[in-house]
Protein backbone atom coordinates (compact mmCIF):
# COMPACT_ATOMS: atom_id res chain seq x y z
CA UNK A 1 58.28 69.22 65.55
CA UNK A 2 57.31 69.21 61.87
CA UNK A 3 58.54 72.77 61.59
CA UNK A 4 61.69 72.32 63.41
CA UNK A 5 62.56 69.10 61.09
CA UNK A 6 61.69 71.00 57.83
CA UNK A 7 63.97 73.89 58.93
CA UNK A 8 66.57 71.28 59.64
CA UNK A 9 66.26 69.65 56.53
CA UNK A 10 66.24 72.48 54.33
CA UNK A 11 69.45 73.75 56.02
CA UNK A 12 71.12 70.59 55.44
CA UNK A 13 69.78 70.71 51.52
CA UNK A 14 71.05 74.20 51.08
CA UNK A 15 74.56 73.43 52.80
CA UNK A 16 74.81 70.41 50.38
CA UNK A 17 73.87 72.29 47.24
CA UNK A 18 76.16 74.90 47.84
CA UNK A 19 79.14 72.70 48.70
CA UNK A 20 78.60 70.45 45.60
CA UNK A 21 80.02 71.14 42.31
CA UNK A 22 76.57 72.02 40.41
CA UNK A 23 76.76 70.40 36.70
CA UNK A 24 75.28 73.51 34.90
CA UNK A 25 75.10 73.76 31.27
CA UNK A 26 77.96 75.27 29.59
CA UNK A 27 75.86 78.42 28.32
CA UNK A 28 74.62 78.99 31.82
CA UNK A 29 78.16 78.76 33.55
CA UNK A 30 79.46 81.27 30.74
CA UNK A 31 76.59 83.61 31.69
CA UNK A 32 77.35 83.31 35.53
CA UNK A 33 80.81 83.85 34.89
CA UNK A 34 80.22 87.16 33.35
CA UNK A 35 77.03 87.77 35.39
CA UNK A 36 78.79 90.65 37.49
CA UNK A 37 80.41 93.47 35.70
CA UNK A 38 82.98 93.87 38.25
CA UNK A 39 84.25 91.85 41.01
CA UNK A 40 84.21 92.26 44.84
CA UNK A 41 87.13 91.33 47.39
CA UNK A 42 85.82 90.31 50.69
CA UNK A 43 87.75 91.51 53.82
CA UNK A 44 88.20 90.15 57.16
CA UNK A 45 85.21 90.85 59.48
CA UNK A 46 83.05 91.92 56.53
CA UNK A 47 79.29 92.16 57.42
CA UNK A 48 77.23 91.15 54.51
CA UNK A 49 73.63 92.30 54.43
CA UNK A 50 70.89 91.10 51.99
CA UNK A 51 67.54 92.92 51.83
CA UNK A 52 64.60 93.39 49.67
CA UNK A 53 61.39 91.85 49.11
CA UNK A 54 59.95 88.24 49.24
CA UNK A 55 62.60 86.71 46.98
CA UNK A 56 65.21 87.70 49.35
CA UNK A 57 62.96 87.06 52.40
CA UNK A 58 62.80 83.45 51.65
CA UNK A 59 60.43 82.52 54.53
CA UNK A 60 63.11 83.67 57.16
CA UNK A 61 62.37 84.06 60.80
CA UNK A 62 61.61 87.67 61.42
CA UNK A 63 62.41 87.73 65.08
CA UNK A 64 65.99 86.58 64.71
CA UNK A 65 67.05 88.99 61.88
CA UNK A 66 69.78 90.45 64.20
CA UNK A 67 71.23 87.09 64.45
CA UNK A 68 74.39 86.82 62.08
CA UNK A 69 74.73 83.51 60.08
CA UNK A 70 71.66 81.91 61.69
CA UNK A 71 69.98 79.46 59.31
CA UNK A 72 66.41 80.43 60.40
CA UNK A 73 67.46 84.36 60.06
CA UNK A 74 68.65 83.68 56.66
CA UNK A 75 65.62 81.99 55.57
CA UNK A 76 65.13 79.10 52.89
CA UNK A 77 66.09 81.19 49.71
CA UNK A 78 69.11 82.00 47.63
CA UNK A 79 70.37 83.93 50.61
CA UNK A 80 71.08 81.01 52.80
CA UNK A 81 72.74 79.19 49.83
CA UNK A 82 74.93 82.14 49.11
CA UNK A 83 75.67 82.81 52.79
CA UNK A 84 76.62 79.15 53.19
CA UNK A 85 78.98 79.21 50.03
CA UNK A 86 80.64 82.43 51.46
CA UNK A 87 81.17 80.88 54.83
CA UNK A 88 82.40 77.81 53.47
CA UNK A 89 84.94 79.30 51.14
CA UNK A 90 86.28 82.10 53.49
CA UNK A 91 86.44 80.37 56.78
CA UNK A 92 89.13 82.78 57.99
CA UNK A 93 87.23 85.96 57.24
CA UNK A 94 84.81 85.75 59.95
CA UNK A 95 82.01 86.94 57.88
CA UNK A 96 78.69 88.07 59.44
CA UNK A 97 75.64 87.52 57.06
CA UNK A 98 72.30 89.04 57.78
CA UNK A 99 68.91 88.64 55.91
CA UNK A 100 66.32 91.47 56.39
CA UNK A 101 64.28 91.02 53.60
CA UNK A 102 60.58 91.49 53.85
CA UNK A 103 57.75 90.02 51.64
CA UNK A 104 55.62 92.45 49.64
CA UNK A 105 58.33 95.20 50.26
CA UNK A 106 58.49 98.34 47.95
CA UNK A 107 61.37 100.92 48.32
CA UNK A 108 59.19 103.19 50.10
CA UNK A 109 58.64 100.57 52.70
CA UNK A 110 62.25 99.80 53.00
CA UNK A 111 63.10 103.57 53.61
CA UNK A 112 60.49 103.28 56.54
CA UNK A 113 62.45 100.54 58.10
CA UNK A 114 65.95 101.44 57.04
CA UNK A 115 67.49 102.53 60.34
CA UNK A 116 66.63 99.24 62.30
CA UNK A 117 66.91 96.70 59.36
CA UNK A 118 69.96 98.19 57.47
CA UNK A 119 72.04 100.94 59.16
CA UNK A 120 71.95 99.71 62.78
CA UNK A 121 73.42 96.36 61.83
CA UNK A 122 76.42 98.28 60.21
CA UNK A 123 77.12 96.30 57.33
CA UNK A 124 80.03 96.64 55.09
CA UNK A 125 78.56 95.09 52.06
CA UNK A 126 74.65 95.74 51.21
CA UNK A 127 72.98 93.37 48.65
CA UNK A 128 69.68 94.80 47.38
CA UNK A 129 66.86 93.13 45.11
CA UNK A 130 63.77 95.31 44.95
CA UNK A 131 61.43 96.59 42.61
CA UNK A 132 58.99 93.98 41.44
CA UNK A 133 56.29 95.05 44.02
CA UNK A 134 57.12 98.91 43.27
CA UNK A 135 56.18 98.04 39.68
CA UNK A 136 53.01 95.80 40.51
CA UNK A 137 51.60 98.77 42.83
CA UNK A 138 51.92 101.24 39.91
CA UNK A 139 50.80 98.76 37.30
CA UNK A 140 47.35 98.02 39.37
CA UNK A 141 46.90 101.93 39.96
CA UNK A 142 47.66 103.17 36.63
CA UNK A 143 48.10 100.53 34.11
CA UNK A 144 51.70 101.29 33.55
CA UNK A 145 54.99 101.63 35.52
CA UNK A 146 56.13 104.89 37.02
CA UNK A 147 60.20 104.23 36.55
CA UNK A 148 60.84 107.89 37.10
CA UNK A 149 59.72 107.66 40.69
CA UNK A 150 61.17 104.40 41.21
CA UNK A 151 64.47 105.84 40.31
CA UNK A 152 64.15 108.90 42.68
CA UNK A 153 63.28 106.46 45.44
CA UNK A 154 65.94 104.08 44.81
CA UNK A 155 68.54 107.08 44.71
CA UNK A 156 67.22 108.30 48.10
CA UNK A 157 67.49 104.82 49.66
CA UNK A 158 71.21 104.37 48.35
CA UNK A 159 72.12 107.77 49.45
CA UNK A 160 70.68 107.51 52.79
CA UNK A 161 72.72 104.18 53.34
CA UNK A 162 75.71 105.81 51.90
CA UNK A 163 75.61 108.88 54.12
CA UNK A 164 75.37 106.74 57.31
CA UNK A 165 77.87 104.06 56.05
CA UNK A 166 80.36 105.81 53.87
CA UNK A 167 82.40 102.84 53.07
CA UNK A 168 79.64 100.60 52.36
CA UNK A 169 79.60 98.33 49.07
CA UNK A 170 76.48 97.64 47.11
CA UNK A 171 75.52 94.72 45.23
CA UNK A 172 72.26 95.50 43.26
CA UNK A 173 70.34 92.58 41.73
CA UNK A 174 68.30 93.47 38.61
CA UNK A 175 64.34 93.14 39.28
CA UNK A 176 63.31 90.25 36.81
CA UNK A 177 59.90 89.20 35.76
CA UNK A 178 59.71 85.90 33.68
CA UNK A 179 57.28 85.66 30.88
CA UNK A 180 55.17 82.57 30.10
CA UNK A 181 54.27 81.56 33.66
CA UNK A 182 51.34 83.87 34.16
CA UNK A 183 49.20 86.07 32.03
CA UNK A 184 49.67 88.69 34.56
CA UNK A 185 53.50 88.78 34.20
CA UNK A 186 53.18 88.77 30.38
CA UNK A 187 50.87 91.91 30.44
CA UNK A 188 53.78 93.84 32.43
CA UNK A 189 55.98 93.90 29.13
CA UNK A 190 57.31 95.94 27.68
CA UNK A 191 56.80 98.58 30.70
CA UNK A 192 58.66 96.57 33.10
CA UNK A 193 61.90 96.91 31.02
CA UNK A 194 62.18 100.44 32.38
CA UNK A 195 62.50 99.19 35.78
CA UNK A 196 65.31 96.82 34.84
CA UNK A 197 67.00 99.71 33.21
CA UNK A 198 66.74 102.04 36.25
CA UNK A 199 68.32 99.34 38.58
CA UNK A 200 71.39 99.16 35.99
CA UNK A 201 71.65 102.91 35.89
CA UNK A 202 71.44 103.18 39.74
CA UNK A 203 74.19 100.67 40.11
CA UNK A 204 76.55 102.47 37.74
CA UNK A 205 75.92 105.76 39.52
CA UNK A 206 76.67 104.22 42.98
CA UNK A 207 79.64 102.09 41.77
CA UNK A 208 77.86 98.90 42.62
CA UNK A 209 77.96 95.44 41.41
CA UNK A 210 75.16 94.71 38.92
CA UNK A 211 73.80 91.35 38.67
CA UNK A 212 71.33 90.97 35.60
CA UNK A 213 68.95 88.26 37.06
CA UNK A 214 66.62 88.60 34.02
CA UNK A 215 69.14 87.44 31.35
CA UNK A 216 70.61 84.81 33.90
CA UNK A 217 67.17 83.27 34.45
CA UNK A 218 66.28 83.61 30.62
CA UNK A 219 69.41 81.72 29.43
CA UNK A 220 68.74 79.11 32.12
CA UNK A 221 65.48 78.65 30.82
CA UNK A 222 66.77 77.78 27.60
CA UNK A 223 68.33 74.62 28.82
CA UNK A 224 65.53 73.58 31.12
CA UNK A 225 62.01 72.41 31.29
CA UNK A 226 59.54 75.17 31.23
CA UNK A 227 58.86 76.79 34.73
CA UNK A 228 62.06 74.86 36.15
CA UNK A 229 63.61 77.94 37.62
CA UNK A 230 60.30 79.80 38.69
CA UNK A 231 56.72 78.52 38.72
CA UNK A 232 55.08 81.78 38.81
CA UNK A 233 57.63 84.20 36.93
CA UNK A 234 58.54 86.06 40.04
CA UNK A 235 59.51 83.49 43.07
CA UNK A 236 62.52 81.27 42.13
CA UNK A 237 61.86 77.40 42.55
CA UNK A 238 64.54 75.22 44.31
CA UNK A 239 66.46 75.24 41.04
CA UNK A 240 65.89 79.06 40.97
CA UNK A 241 67.59 79.91 44.23
CA UNK A 242 70.43 77.76 43.47
CA UNK A 243 70.75 79.92 40.14
CA UNK A 244 70.65 83.11 41.98
CA UNK A 245 73.10 82.05 44.65
CA UNK A 246 75.71 80.99 42.12
CA UNK A 247 75.19 84.30 40.42
CA UNK A 248 75.71 86.29 43.59
CA UNK A 249 78.60 84.28 44.37
CA UNK A 250 80.02 85.00 40.97
CA UNK A 251 80.62 88.63 42.00
CA UNK A 252 83.47 87.50 44.42
CA UNK A 253 87.00 88.00 43.32
């Protein structure tokens, strides 16, 4: 009973947040307006699929991932907020929105489940945020990142999606890690910057929309209490998921 009540409450909160007119500081609003380097026009019957690691997963219900526009399947994170606003803003587009993010995922793990969790759902828009776990695995093993491997695997991932879905459009989120929350995250720098650079290059290579989450979070943090947008430097807080959803929505024309 408590779990059902929690899910209902979080769904209501998500809807209220997305439908409200967020009073963000001017500097953050300016950053969001220019967060996406290009815009995307949603088409009627578009199928939008979000995937990635725990940041995207948002405690979604795994067994329901094939259920479009399901609050439980979309999770309690930025995906639900973005999906709510998309469906509210484009009621006549008959959008179908999915979330197949999996906690702890790396690109290699995504490749292993690519057919069932991406291609079989036949998305027309694929939004990916991946890279933090890839870096962490390499850092724990080698004491540094392996951006070349990350780039090769990321290219393979998008190439396979594009091969099966030639008309797909990509939205790629920049992997981010916020300094000042944990010593572990602070130790990732400056190595982690190379992974962010790879994501930007990949986005350009595949003509994808690129969302620079690192700079969005950093600028937002300048106008808020410490750890307001993320308490551990990786996973967004309630304010953080709102910021990410607004950034994602900013790429829609």
